[in-house]
């Protein structure tokens, strides 16, 4: 399932016409995390497929969830002659030195799936991602609905320092603060990892046996939480309502099985729009500084259909 986007209106960054055909250029892709996460593996495959479609040479590196390695990777991609960069930032800060290096070489940078500090049109030409604050709000709205406004909530936060973690937490908490029947009683990081989510949930349920809701900031942690809750004798999806974010196949199946109540989709197929943006830039066309993906809430009403048409 290809991405759909929210309407875009300025501001824009000006393009810079390149005398060479786009298909003769090299594009470096800096992936941030290990591809055991289905979001990451799908994202990388999307970029590879799009590069092949546009005929560009793709230079690839994976930061393996380590910020120093991602910084080193981007320097290496520049030294290997990348004409443009597609970067999935690990952290919301820390890349300024390599963004400066790219700017000094007139190499445009497209940020995908997360934001990092920097100035549009100087450090990067666009940022393509979901509206993470809105995702957190959607998850809170759904928990409010399915708990009839009476929620004692455990939150499984994503990787510390990542823009997606900050935004999904903000969107969720802003909603909860406005609804007196909802209360966050425990909040710990699960690093967006299934095993970490399971371990954290085991600790939370021992200290807070009366929780009736879980908000996981990605599906992998939710799936880990489901395992922990089952081991503790709870019935996830029934005794304890669970809402997460991403929209993976495993999450959709968990909804079908009744163990997960909902997930907010985050489509990782950034390849086509990232390559098109670079092609437009090199053709001298202006490009929007922000491009936002349109997301969708998946529940038991449409999980089967989604599982067969769009889950990753």
C-alpha atoms as a PDB file:
ATOM      1  CA  UNK A   1       0.000   0.000   0.000  1.00  0.00           C
ATOM      2  CA  UNK A   2       1.533   3.305  -1.102  1.00  0.00           C
ATOM      3  CA  UNK A   3       1.541   6.298   1.196  1.00  0.00           C
ATOM      4  CA  UNK A   4      -1.051   9.024   0.978  1.00  0.00           C
ATOM      5  CA  UNK A   5      -0.253  12.520   2.165  1.00  0.00           C
ATOM      6  CA  UNK A   6      -1.950  15.408   3.904  1.00  0.00           C
ATOM      7  CA  UNK A   7      -2.369  18.560   1.782  1.00  0.00           C
ATOM      8  CA  UNK A   8       0.886  20.513   1.527  1.00  0.00           C
ATOM      9  CA  UNK A   9       1.239  24.270   1.504  1.00  0.00           C
ATOM     10  CA  UNK A  10       4.501  26.212   1.926  1.00  0.00           C
ATOM     11  CA  UNK A  11       7.006  27.103   2.989  1.00  0.00           C
ATOM     12  CA  UNK A  12       9.242  25.649   0.302  1.00  0.00           C
ATOM     13  CA  UNK A  13      12.935  25.224  -0.392  1.00  0.00           C
ATOM     14  CA  UNK A  14      14.219  26.284  -3.811  1.00  0.00           C
ATOM     15  CA  UNK A  15      15.603  23.595  -6.078  1.00  0.00           C
ATOM     16  CA  UNK A  16      19.073  23.643  -7.620  1.00  0.00           C
ATOM     17  CA  UNK A  17      19.194  22.499 -11.215  1.00  0.00           C
ATOM     18  CA  UNK A  18      21.805  19.836 -11.927  1.00  0.00           C
ATOM     19  CA  UNK A  19      23.171  19.514 -15.453  1.00  0.00           C
ATOM     20  CA  UNK A  20      23.295  15.729 -15.097  1.00  0.00           C
ATOM     21  CA  UNK A  21      20.315  13.441 -15.546  1.00  0.00           C
ATOM     22  CA  UNK A  22      18.921  12.262 -12.194  1.00  0.00           C
ATOM     23  CA  UNK A  23      19.425   8.624 -13.162  1.00  0.00           C
ATOM     24  CA  UNK A  24      23.187   9.198 -13.402  1.00  0.00           C
ATOM     25  CA  UNK A  25      23.471  10.357  -9.800  1.00  0.00           C
ATOM     26  CA  UNK A  26      24.245   8.500  -6.556  1.00  0.00           C
ATOM     27  CA  UNK A  27      21.972   8.705  -3.523  1.00  0.00           C
ATOM     28  CA  UNK A  28      23.168   7.741  -0.049  1.00  0.00           C
ATOM     29  CA  UNK A  29      20.695   6.238   2.401  1.00  0.00           C
ATOM     30  CA  UNK A  30      21.454   6.293   6.119  1.00  0.00           C
ATOM     31  CA  UNK A  31      19.166   3.893   7.968  1.00  0.00           C
ATOM     32  CA  UNK A  32      19.109   4.421  11.715  1.00  0.00           C
ATOM     33  CA  UNK A  33      18.087   1.147  13.356  1.00  0.00           C
ATOM     34  CA  UNK A  34      18.481  -2.592  13.073  1.00  0.00           C
ATOM     35  CA  UNK A  35      16.164  -4.141  10.526  1.00  0.00           C
ATOM     36  CA  UNK A  36      14.784  -6.765  12.866  1.00  0.00           C
ATOM     37  CA  UNK A  37      12.038  -4.142  13.255  1.00  0.00           C
ATOM     38  CA  UNK A  38       9.554  -4.632  10.379  1.00  0.00           C
ATOM     39  CA  UNK A  39       9.163  -0.862  10.044  1.00  0.00           C
ATOM     40  CA  UNK A  40      12.872  -0.531   9.271  1.00  0.00           C
ATOM     41  CA  UNK A  41      13.087  -3.482   6.897  1.00  0.00           C
ATOM     42  CA  UNK A  42      10.054  -2.260   4.945  1.00  0.00           C
ATOM     43  CA  UNK A  43      11.432   1.284   4.848  1.00  0.00           C
ATOM     44  CA  UNK A  44      14.799   0.139   3.519  1.00  0.00           C
ATOM     45  CA  UNK A  45      13.219  -2.060   0.875  1.00  0.00           C
ATOM     46  CA  UNK A  46      11.046   0.869  -0.215  1.00  0.00           C
ATOM     47  CA  UNK A  47      14.115   3.090  -0.671  1.00  0.00           C
ATOM     48  CA  UNK A  48      15.961   0.343  -2.576  1.00  0.00           C
ATOM     49  CA  UNK A  49      13.004  -0.269  -4.876  1.00  0.00           C
ATOM     50  CA  UNK A  50      12.509   3.438  -5.570  1.00  0.00           C
ATOM     51  CA  UNK A  51      16.208   3.966  -6.296  1.00  0.00           C
ATOM     52  CA  UNK A  52      16.073   1.121  -8.794  1.00  0.00           C
ATOM     53  CA  UNK A  53      12.952   2.579 -10.392  1.00  0.00           C
ATOM     54  CA  UNK A  54      14.578   5.998 -10.823  1.00  0.00           C
ATOM     55  CA  UNK A  55      17.818   4.431 -12.021  1.00  0.00           C
ATOM     56  CA  UNK A  56      20.048   6.029  -9.389  1.00  0.00           C
ATOM     57  CA  UNK A  57      22.935   4.276  -7.667  1.00  0.00           C
ATOM     58  CA  UNK A  58      22.056   3.655  -4.027  1.00  0.00           C
ATOM     59  CA  UNK A  59      24.767   3.816  -1.376  1.00  0.00           C
ATOM     60  CA  UNK A  60      23.524   2.199   1.833  1.00  0.00           C
ATOM     61  CA  UNK A  61      24.548   2.273   5.491  1.00  0.00           C
ATOM     62  CA  UNK A  62      22.854   1.189   8.726  1.00  0.00           C
ATOM     63  CA  UNK A  63      23.606   2.913  12.023  1.00  0.00           C
ATOM     64  CA  UNK A  64      22.520  -0.148  14.046  1.00  0.00           C
ATOM     65  CA  UNK A  65      20.758   2.084  16.610  1.00  0.00           C
ATOM     66  CA  UNK A  66      24.056   3.818  17.498  1.00  0.00           C
ATOM     67  CA  UNK A  67      24.294   7.571  16.985  1.00  0.00           C
ATOM     68  CA  UNK A  68      28.119   7.668  16.580  1.00  0.00           C
ATOM     69  CA  UNK A  69      27.866   5.006  13.863  1.00  0.00           C
ATOM     70  CA  UNK A  70      25.155   6.913  12.005  1.00  0.00           C
ATOM     71  CA  UNK A  71      27.329  10.028  12.047  1.00  0.00           C
ATOM     72  CA  UNK A  72      30.280   8.000  10.731  1.00  0.00           C
ATOM     73  CA  UNK A  73      28.017   6.373   8.125  1.00  0.00           C
ATOM     74  CA  UNK A  74      26.889   9.718   6.731  1.00  0.00           C
ATOM     75  CA  UNK A  75      30.468  10.967   6.497  1.00  0.00           C
ATOM     76  CA  UNK A  76      31.328   7.787   4.601  1.00  0.00           C
ATOM     77  CA  UNK A  77      28.374   8.191   2.233  1.00  0.00           C
ATOM     78  CA  UNK A  78      29.585  11.711   1.426  1.00  0.00           C
ATOM     79  CA  UNK A  79      33.138  10.507   0.863  1.00  0.00           C
ATOM     80  CA  UNK A  80      31.817   7.820  -1.492  1.00  0.00           C
ATOM     81  CA  UNK A  81      30.365  10.520  -3.701  1.00  0.00           C
ATOM     82  CA  UNK A  82      26.692  10.708  -2.761  1.00  0.00           C
ATOM     83  CA  UNK A  83      24.998  13.484  -4.748  1.00  0.00           C
ATOM     84  CA  UNK A  84      21.999  13.458  -2.421  1.00  0.00           C
ATOM     85  CA  UNK A  85      21.207  11.944   0.967  1.00  0.00           C
ATOM     86  CA  UNK A  86      18.137  10.279   2.431  1.00  0.00           C
ATOM     87  CA  UNK A  87      18.509  10.114   6.208  1.00  0.00           C
ATOM     88  CA  UNK A  88      16.325   8.384   8.804  1.00  0.00           C
ATOM     89  CA  UNK A  89      17.639  10.155  11.949  1.00  0.00           C
ATOM     90  CA  UNK A  90      18.104   8.111  15.101  1.00  0.00           C
ATOM     91  CA  UNK A  91      18.020  11.080  17.493  1.00  0.00           C
ATOM     92  CA  UNK A  92      16.446  14.532  17.433  1.00  0.00           C
ATOM     93  CA  UNK A  93      19.899  16.104  17.894  1.00  0.00           C
ATOM     94  CA  UNK A  94      23.483  15.214  17.075  1.00  0.00           C
ATOM     95  CA  UNK A  95      23.715  15.250  13.280  1.00  0.00           C
ATOM     96  CA  UNK A  96      24.633  18.927  12.852  1.00  0.00           C
ATOM     97  CA  UNK A  97      28.277  18.263  12.008  1.00  0.00           C
ATOM     98  CA  UNK A  98      27.451  15.917   9.141  1.00  0.00           C
ATOM     99  CA  UNK A  99      24.601  18.127   7.954  1.00  0.00           C
ATOM    100  CA  UNK A 100      27.189  20.930   7.775  1.00  0.00           C
ATOM    101  CA  UNK A 101      29.475  18.651   5.770  1.00  0.00           C
ATOM    102  CA  UNK A 102      26.672  17.840   3.338  1.00  0.00           C
ATOM    103  CA  UNK A 103      25.839  21.541   2.948  1.00  0.00           C
ATOM    104  CA  UNK A 104      29.483  22.396   2.262  1.00  0.00           C
ATOM    105  CA  UNK A 105      29.431  19.877  -0.596  1.00  0.00           C
ATOM    106  CA  UNK A 106      26.037  21.134  -1.880  1.00  0.00           C
ATOM    107  CA  UNK A 107      24.515  17.717  -1.162  1.00  0.00           C
ATOM    108  CA  UNK A 108      20.765  18.011  -0.446  1.00  0.00           C
ATOM    109  CA  UNK A 109      19.412  16.019   2.510  1.00  0.00           C
ATOM    110  CA  UNK A 110      15.933  14.511   2.716  1.00  0.00           C
ATOM    111  CA  UNK A 111      14.894  13.507   6.248  1.00  0.00           C
ATOM    112  CA  UNK A 112      12.417  10.643   6.512  1.00  0.00           C
ATOM    113  CA  UNK A 113      10.263   9.235   9.356  1.00  0.00           C
ATOM    114  CA  UNK A 114      11.823  11.446  12.052  1.00  0.00           C
ATOM    115  CA  UNK A 115      13.008  15.013  12.549  1.00  0.00           C
ATOM    116  CA  UNK A 116      16.447  16.143  13.647  1.00  0.00           C
ATOM    117  CA  UNK A 117      17.683  19.588  14.621  1.00  0.00           C
ATOM    118  CA  UNK A 118      18.645  21.883  11.771  1.00  0.00           C
ATOM    119  CA  UNK A 119      17.395  24.659   9.508  1.00  0.00           C
ATOM    120  CA  UNK A 120      15.216  23.875   6.481  1.00  0.00           C
ATOM    121  CA  UNK A 121      16.810  24.738   3.129  1.00  0.00           C
ATOM    122  CA  UNK A 122      20.241  24.885   4.804  1.00  0.00           C
ATOM    123  CA  UNK A 123      20.651  21.588   6.624  1.00  0.00           C
ATOM    124  CA  UNK A 124      17.904  19.634   4.841  1.00  0.00           C
ATOM    125  CA  UNK A 125      15.462  20.337   2.034  1.00  0.00           C
ATOM    126  CA  UNK A 126      12.451  18.520   3.475  1.00  0.00           C
ATOM    127  CA  UNK A 127      11.230  16.349   6.325  1.00  0.00           C
ATOM    128  CA  UNK A 128       8.806  13.540   5.409  1.00  0.00           C
ATOM    129  CA  UNK A 129       7.042  11.847   8.306  1.00  0.00           C
ATOM    130  CA  UNK A 130       3.780  11.124  10.043  1.00  0.00           C
ATOM    131  CA  UNK A 131       2.234  13.633  12.430  1.00  0.00           C
ATOM    132  CA  UNK A 132       3.467  11.910  15.588  1.00  0.00           C
ATOM    133  CA  UNK A 133       1.712  14.289  17.978  1.00  0.00           C
ATOM    134  CA  UNK A 134      -1.554  13.520  16.227  1.00  0.00           C
ATOM    135  CA  UNK A 135      -0.810   9.778  16.468  1.00  0.00           C
ATOM    136  CA  UNK A 136      -0.415  10.033  20.236  1.00  0.00           C
ATOM    137  CA  UNK A 137      -3.693  11.910  20.462  1.00  0.00           C
ATOM    138  CA  UNK A 138      -5.474   9.294  18.320  1.00  0.00           C
ATOM    139  CA  UNK A 139      -4.197   6.524  20.593  1.00  0.00           C
ATOM    140  CA  UNK A 140      -5.427   8.399  23.682  1.00  0.00           C
ATOM    141  CA  UNK A 141      -8.824   9.036  22.105  1.00  0.00           C
ATOM    142  CA  UNK A 142      -9.219   5.338  21.376  1.00  0.00           C
ATOM    143  CA  UNK A 143      -8.227   4.280  24.907  1.00  0.00           C
ATOM    144  CA  UNK A 144     -10.697   6.827  26.270  1.00  0.00           C
ATOM    145  CA  UNK A 145     -13.421   5.327  24.114  1.00  0.00           C
ATOM    146  CA  UNK A 146     -12.806   1.648  24.853  1.00  0.00           C
ATOM    147  CA  UNK A 147     -12.362   2.150  28.621  1.00  0.00           C
ATOM    148  CA  UNK A 148     -15.461   4.349  28.854  1.00  0.00           C
ATOM    149  CA  UNK A 149     -13.281   7.177  30.088  1.00  0.00           C
ATOM    150  CA  UNK A 150     -11.963   5.225  33.106  1.00  0.00           C
ATOM    151  CA  UNK A 151      -8.348   4.351  32.308  1.00  0.00           C
ATOM    152  CA  UNK A 152      -5.465   3.539  34.639  1.00  0.00           C
ATOM    153  CA  UNK A 153      -2.717   3.576  32.038  1.00  0.00           C
ATOM    154  CA  UNK A 154       0.760   2.127  31.665  1.00  0.00           C
ATOM    155  CA  UNK A 155       2.816   3.833  28.955  1.00  0.00           C
ATOM    156  CA  UNK A 156       5.631   2.083  27.091  1.00  0.00           C
ATOM    157  CA  UNK A 157       7.756   4.885  25.695  1.00  0.00           C
ATOM    158  CA  UNK A 158      10.008   4.638  22.663  1.00  0.00           C
ATOM    159  CA  UNK A 159      13.728   5.328  22.401  1.00  0.00           C
ATOM    160  CA  UNK A 160      14.817   8.262  24.598  1.00  0.00           C
ATOM    161  CA  UNK A 161      15.828  11.365  22.638  1.00  0.00           C
ATOM    162  CA  UNK A 162      14.033  10.430  19.432  1.00  0.00           C
ATOM    163  CA  UNK A 163      11.650  13.032  18.007  1.00  0.00           C
ATOM    164  CA  UNK A 164       9.017  10.345  17.464  1.00  0.00           C
ATOM    165  CA  UNK A 165       9.125   9.416  21.164  1.00  0.00           C
ATOM    166  CA  UNK A 166       8.835  13.025  22.286  1.00  0.00           C
ATOM    167  CA  UNK A 167       5.936  13.744  19.944  1.00  0.00           C
ATOM    168  CA  UNK A 168       3.949  10.566  20.566  1.00  0.00           C
ATOM    169  CA  UNK A 169       4.318  11.144  24.308  1.00  0.00           C
ATOM    170  CA  UNK A 170       3.228  14.773  24.016  1.00  0.00           C
ATOM    171  CA  UNK A 171       0.150  14.015  21.904  1.00  0.00           C
ATOM    172  CA  UNK A 172      -0.964  11.310  24.307  1.00  0.00           C
ATOM    173  CA  UNK A 173      -0.297  13.235  27.516  1.00  0.00           C
ATOM    174  CA  UNK A 174      -1.922  16.426  26.251  1.00  0.00           C
ATOM    175  CA  UNK A 175      -5.154  14.495  25.688  1.00  0.00           C
ATOM    176  CA  UNK A 176      -5.002  12.619  29.013  1.00  0.00           C
ATOM    177  CA  UNK A 177      -4.498  15.857  30.973  1.00  0.00           C
ATOM    178  CA  UNK A 178      -7.830  17.115  29.665  1.00  0.00           C
ATOM    179  CA  UNK A 179      -9.771  13.991  30.735  1.00  0.00           C
ATOM    180  CA  UNK A 180     -10.031  13.468  34.484  1.00  0.00           C
ATOM    181  CA  UNK A 181     -11.007   9.797  34.215  1.00  0.00           C
ATOM    182  CA  UNK A 182      -7.713   8.935  32.541  1.00  0.00           C
ATOM    183  CA  UNK A 183      -4.503   8.659  34.546  1.00  0.00           C
ATOM    184  CA  UNK A 184      -0.981   7.541  33.635  1.00  0.00           C
ATOM    185  CA  UNK A 185       0.151   5.449  36.607  1.00  0.00           C
ATOM    186  CA  UNK A 186       3.412   4.148  35.113  1.00  0.00           C
ATOM    187  CA  UNK A 187       5.617   5.219  32.205  1.00  0.00           C
ATOM    188  CA  UNK A 188       8.883   3.553  31.199  1.00  0.00           C
ATOM    189  CA  UNK A 189      10.963   3.266  28.066  1.00  0.00           C
ATOM    190  CA  UNK A 190      10.860   0.065  26.058  1.00  0.00           C
ATOM    191  CA  UNK A 191      13.196   1.422  23.343  1.00  0.00           C
ATOM    192  CA  UNK A 192      10.800   0.421  20.536  1.00  0.00           C
ATOM    193  CA  UNK A 193      11.966  -3.198  21.060  1.00  0.00           C
ATOM    194  CA  UNK A 194       9.653  -6.185  21.654  1.00  0.00           C
ATOM    195  CA  UNK A 195      11.811  -7.882  24.303  1.00  0.00           C
ATOM    196  CA  UNK A 196      12.270  -4.611  26.167  1.00  0.00           C
ATOM    197  CA  UNK A 197       8.536  -3.989  26.032  1.00  0.00           C
ATOM    198  CA  UNK A 198       7.937  -7.405  27.563  1.00  0.00           C
ATOM    199  CA  UNK A 199      10.448  -6.857  30.368  1.00  0.00           C
ATOM    200  CA  UNK A 200       9.114  -3.409  31.207  1.00  0.00           C
ATOM    201  CA  UNK A 201       5.524  -4.661  31.209  1.00  0.00           C
ATOM    202  CA  UNK A 202       6.477  -7.465  33.598  1.00  0.00           C
ATOM    203  CA  UNK A 203       7.836  -4.850  36.028  1.00  0.00           C
ATOM    204  CA  UNK A 204       4.881  -2.515  35.634  1.00  0.00           C
ATOM    205  CA  UNK A 205       2.201  -5.162  36.179  1.00  0.00           C
ATOM    206  CA  UNK A 206       3.874  -6.300  39.417  1.00  0.00           C
ATOM    207  CA  UNK A 207       3.970  -2.754  40.791  1.00  0.00           C
ATOM    208  CA  UNK A 208       0.589  -1.727  39.366  1.00  0.00           C
ATOM    209  CA  UNK A 209      -1.697  -4.783  39.252  1.00  0.00           C
ATOM    210  CA  UNK A 210      -4.823  -2.649  38.796  1.00  0.00           C
ATOM    211  CA  UNK A 211      -3.970  -1.030  35.472  1.00  0.00           C
ATOM    212  CA  UNK A 212      -6.633  -1.528  32.822  1.00  0.00           C
ATOM    213  CA  UNK A 213      -4.978   0.155  29.835  1.00  0.00           C
ATOM    214  CA  UNK A 214      -1.651   0.207  27.989  1.00  0.00           C
ATOM    215  CA  UNK A 215      -0.376   2.733  25.484  1.00  0.00           C
ATOM    216  CA  UNK A 216       2.655   1.445  23.576  1.00  0.00           C
ATOM    217  CA  UNK A 217       4.447   3.911  21.338  1.00  0.00           C
ATOM    218  CA  UNK A 218       5.061   1.209  18.763  1.00  0.00           C
ATOM    219  CA  UNK A 219       3.635  -2.203  17.911  1.00  0.00           C
ATOM    220  CA  UNK A 220       6.765  -4.139  18.831  1.00  0.00           C
ATOM    221  CA  UNK A 221       6.559  -3.024  22.458  1.00  0.00           C
ATOM    222  CA  UNK A 222       2.824  -3.735  22.481  1.00  0.00           C
ATOM    223  CA  UNK A 223       3.455  -7.290  21.324  1.00  0.00           C
ATOM    224  CA  UNK A 224       6.022  -7.726  24.085  1.00  0.00           C
ATOM    225  CA  UNK A 225       3.517  -6.340  26.594  1.00  0.00           C
ATOM    226  CA  UNK A 226       0.899  -8.833  25.397  1.00  0.00           C
ATOM    227  CA  UNK A 227       3.279 -11.719  26.155  1.00  0.00           C
ATOM    228  CA  UNK A 228       4.012 -10.335  29.617  1.00  0.00           C
ATOM    229  CA  UNK A 229       0.336  -9.829  30.426  1.00  0.00           C
ATOM    230  CA  UNK A 230      -0.558 -13.356  29.350  1.00  0.00           C
ATOM    231  CA  UNK A 231       2.231 -14.751  31.541  1.00  0.00           C
ATOM    232  CA  UNK A 232       0.831 -12.827  34.506  1.00  0.00           C
ATOM    233  CA  UNK A 233      -2.612 -14.352  34.012  1.00  0.00           C
ATOM    234  CA  UNK A 234      -4.200 -11.290  32.425  1.00  0.00           C
ATOM    235  CA  UNK A 235      -6.268 -11.248  29.232  1.00  0.00           C
ATOM    236  CA  UNK A 236      -4.780  -8.532  26.999  1.00  0.00           C
ATOM    237  CA  UNK A 237      -7.397  -6.879  24.833  1.00  0.00           C
ATOM    238  CA  UNK A 238     -10.100  -7.758  27.370  1.00  0.00           C
ATOM    239  CA  UNK A 239      -8.930  -7.230  30.966  1.00  0.00           C
ATOM    240  CA  UNK A 240      -6.423  -4.656  29.829  1.00  0.00           C
ATOM    241  CA  UNK A 241      -7.086  -2.560  26.727  1.00  0.00           C
ATOM    242  CA  UNK A 242      -4.043  -1.930  24.528  1.00  0.00           C
ATOM    243  CA  UNK A 243      -3.495   0.649  21.814  1.00  0.00           C
ATOM    244  CA  UNK A 244      -0.233   1.042  19.911  1.00  0.00           C
ATOM    245  CA  UNK A 245       1.242   2.696  16.834  1.00  0.00           C
ATOM    246  CA  UNK A 246       2.750   1.536  13.511  1.00  0.00           C
ATOM    247  CA  UNK A 247       0.369  -0.911  11.853  1.00  0.00           C
ATOM    248  CA  UNK A 248       2.571  -3.968  11.352  1.00  0.00           C
ATOM    249  CA  UNK A 249       1.289  -7.368  10.235  1.00  0.00           C
ATOM    250  CA  UNK A 250       1.881  -8.821  13.681  1.00  0.00           C
ATOM    251  CA  UNK A 251      -0.134  -6.018  15.268  1.00  0.00           C
ATOM    252  CA  UNK A 252      -3.001  -6.432  12.806  1.00  0.00           C
ATOM    253  CA  UNK A 253      -3.035 -10.164  13.521  1.00  0.00           C
ATOM    254  CA  UNK A 254      -3.054  -9.447  17.265  1.00  0.00           C
ATOM    255  CA  UNK A 255      -6.152  -7.303  16.740  1.00  0.00           C
ATOM    256  CA  UNK A 256      -7.811 -10.120  14.781  1.00  0.00           C
ATOM    257  CA  UNK A 257      -6.895 -12.501  17.619  1.00  0.00           C
ATOM    258  CA  UNK A 258      -8.404 -10.132  20.200  1.00  0.00           C
ATOM    259  CA  UNK A 259      -5.162  -9.395  22.070  1.00  0.00           C
ATOM    260  CA  UNK A 260      -4.669  -5.827  20.806  1.00  0.00           C
ATOM    261  CA  UNK A 261      -7.476  -3.292  20.550  1.00  0.00           C
ATOM    262  CA  UNK A 262      -6.122  -0.838  17.992  1.00  0.00           C
ATOM    263  CA  UNK A 263      -3.046   0.461  16.200  1.00  0.00           C
ATOM    264  CA  UNK A 264      -2.433   3.770  14.457  1.00  0.00           C
ATOM    265  CA  UNK A 265      -0.735   3.165  11.121  1.00  0.00           C
ATOM    266  CA  UNK A 266       2.662   4.607  10.229  1.00  0.00           C
ATOM    267  CA  UNK A 267       3.443   3.777   6.613  1.00  0.00           C
ATOM    268  CA  UNK A 268       7.224   3.255   6.224  1.00  0.00           C
ATOM    269  CA  UNK A 269       7.243   3.301   2.413  1.00  0.00           C
ATOM    270  CA  UNK A 270       9.153   6.554   2.035  1.00  0.00           C
ATOM    271  CA  UNK A 271      11.218   5.526  -0.991  1.00  0.00           C
ATOM    272  CA  UNK A 272       9.048   6.896  -3.826  1.00  0.00           C
ATOM    273  CA  UNK A 273       8.392  10.314  -2.284  1.00  0.00           C
ATOM    274  CA  UNK A 274      12.020  10.693  -1.137  1.00  0.00           C
ATOM    275  CA  UNK A 275      13.379   9.958  -4.617  1.00  0.00           C
ATOM    276  CA  UNK A 276      10.771  12.142  -6.315  1.00  0.00           C
ATOM    277  CA  UNK A 277      11.672  15.017  -3.993  1.00  0.00           C
ATOM    278  CA  UNK A 278      15.371  14.706  -4.839  1.00  0.00           C
ATOM    279  CA  UNK A 279      14.594  14.485  -8.561  1.00  0.00           C
ATOM    280  CA  UNK A 280      12.414  17.611  -8.345  1.00  0.00           C
ATOM    281  CA  UNK A 281      15.149  19.433  -6.412  1.00  0.00           C
ATOM    282  CA  UNK A 282      17.787  18.579  -9.005  1.00  0.00           C
ATOM    283  CA  UNK A 283      15.390  19.687 -11.744  1.00  0.00           C
ATOM    284  CA  UNK A 284      15.316  23.140 -10.154  1.00  0.00           C
ATOM    285  CA  UNK A 285      11.802  22.792  -8.750  1.00  0.00           C
ATOM    286  CA  UNK A 286      10.865  24.050  -5.298  1.00  0.00           C
ATOM    287  CA  UNK A 287      10.098  21.359  -2.699  1.00  0.00           C
ATOM    288  CA  UNK A 288       7.932  21.627   0.450  1.00  0.00           C
ATOM    289  CA  UNK A 289       9.882  21.833   3.696  1.00  0.00           C
ATOM    290  CA  UNK A 290       7.401  19.452   5.359  1.00  0.00           C
ATOM    291  CA  UNK A 291       5.502  16.512   3.890  1.00  0.00           C
ATOM    292  CA  UNK A 292       3.125  14.709   6.232  1.00  0.00           C
ATOM    293  CA  UNK A 293       1.864  11.151   5.783  1.00  0.00           C
ATOM    294  CA  UNK A 294      -1.848  10.498   6.297  1.00  0.00           C
ATOM    295  CA  UNK A 295      -2.327   7.829   8.981  1.00  0.00           C
ATOM    296  CA  UNK A 296      -5.291   5.662   9.923  1.00  0.00           C
ATOM    297  CA  UNK A 297      -6.648   4.009  13.074  1.00  0.00           C
ATOM    298  CA  UNK A 298      -7.026   0.220  12.692  1.00  0.00           C
ATOM    299  CA  UNK A 299      -9.470  -1.637  14.968  1.00  0.00           C
ATOM    300  CA  UNK A 300     -11.265  -4.990  14.916  1.00  0.00           C
ATOM    301  CA  UNK A 301     -13.648  -3.517  12.331  1.00  0.00           C
ATOM    302  CA  UNK A 302     -11.034  -3.338   9.593  1.00  0.00           C
ATOM    303  CA  UNK A 303      -8.003  -5.319  10.820  1.00  0.00           C
ATOM    304  CA  UNK A 304      -8.615  -8.276   8.503  1.00  0.00           C
ATOM    305  CA  UNK A 305      -8.909  -6.050   5.468  1.00  0.00           C
ATOM    306  CA  UNK A 306      -5.794  -4.107   6.467  1.00  0.00           C
ATOM    307  CA  UNK A 307      -3.904  -7.337   7.089  1.00  0.00           C
ATOM    308  CA  UNK A 308      -4.544  -8.334   3.490  1.00  0.00           C
ATOM    309  CA  UNK A 309      -3.935  -4.903   2.011  1.00  0.00           C
ATOM    310  CA  UNK A 310      -1.240  -2.712   3.486  1.00  0.00           C
ATOM    311  CA  UNK A 311       0.180  -4.258   6.673  1.00  0.00           C
ATOM    312  CA  UNK A 312       3.940  -4.787   6.654  1.00  0.00           C
END
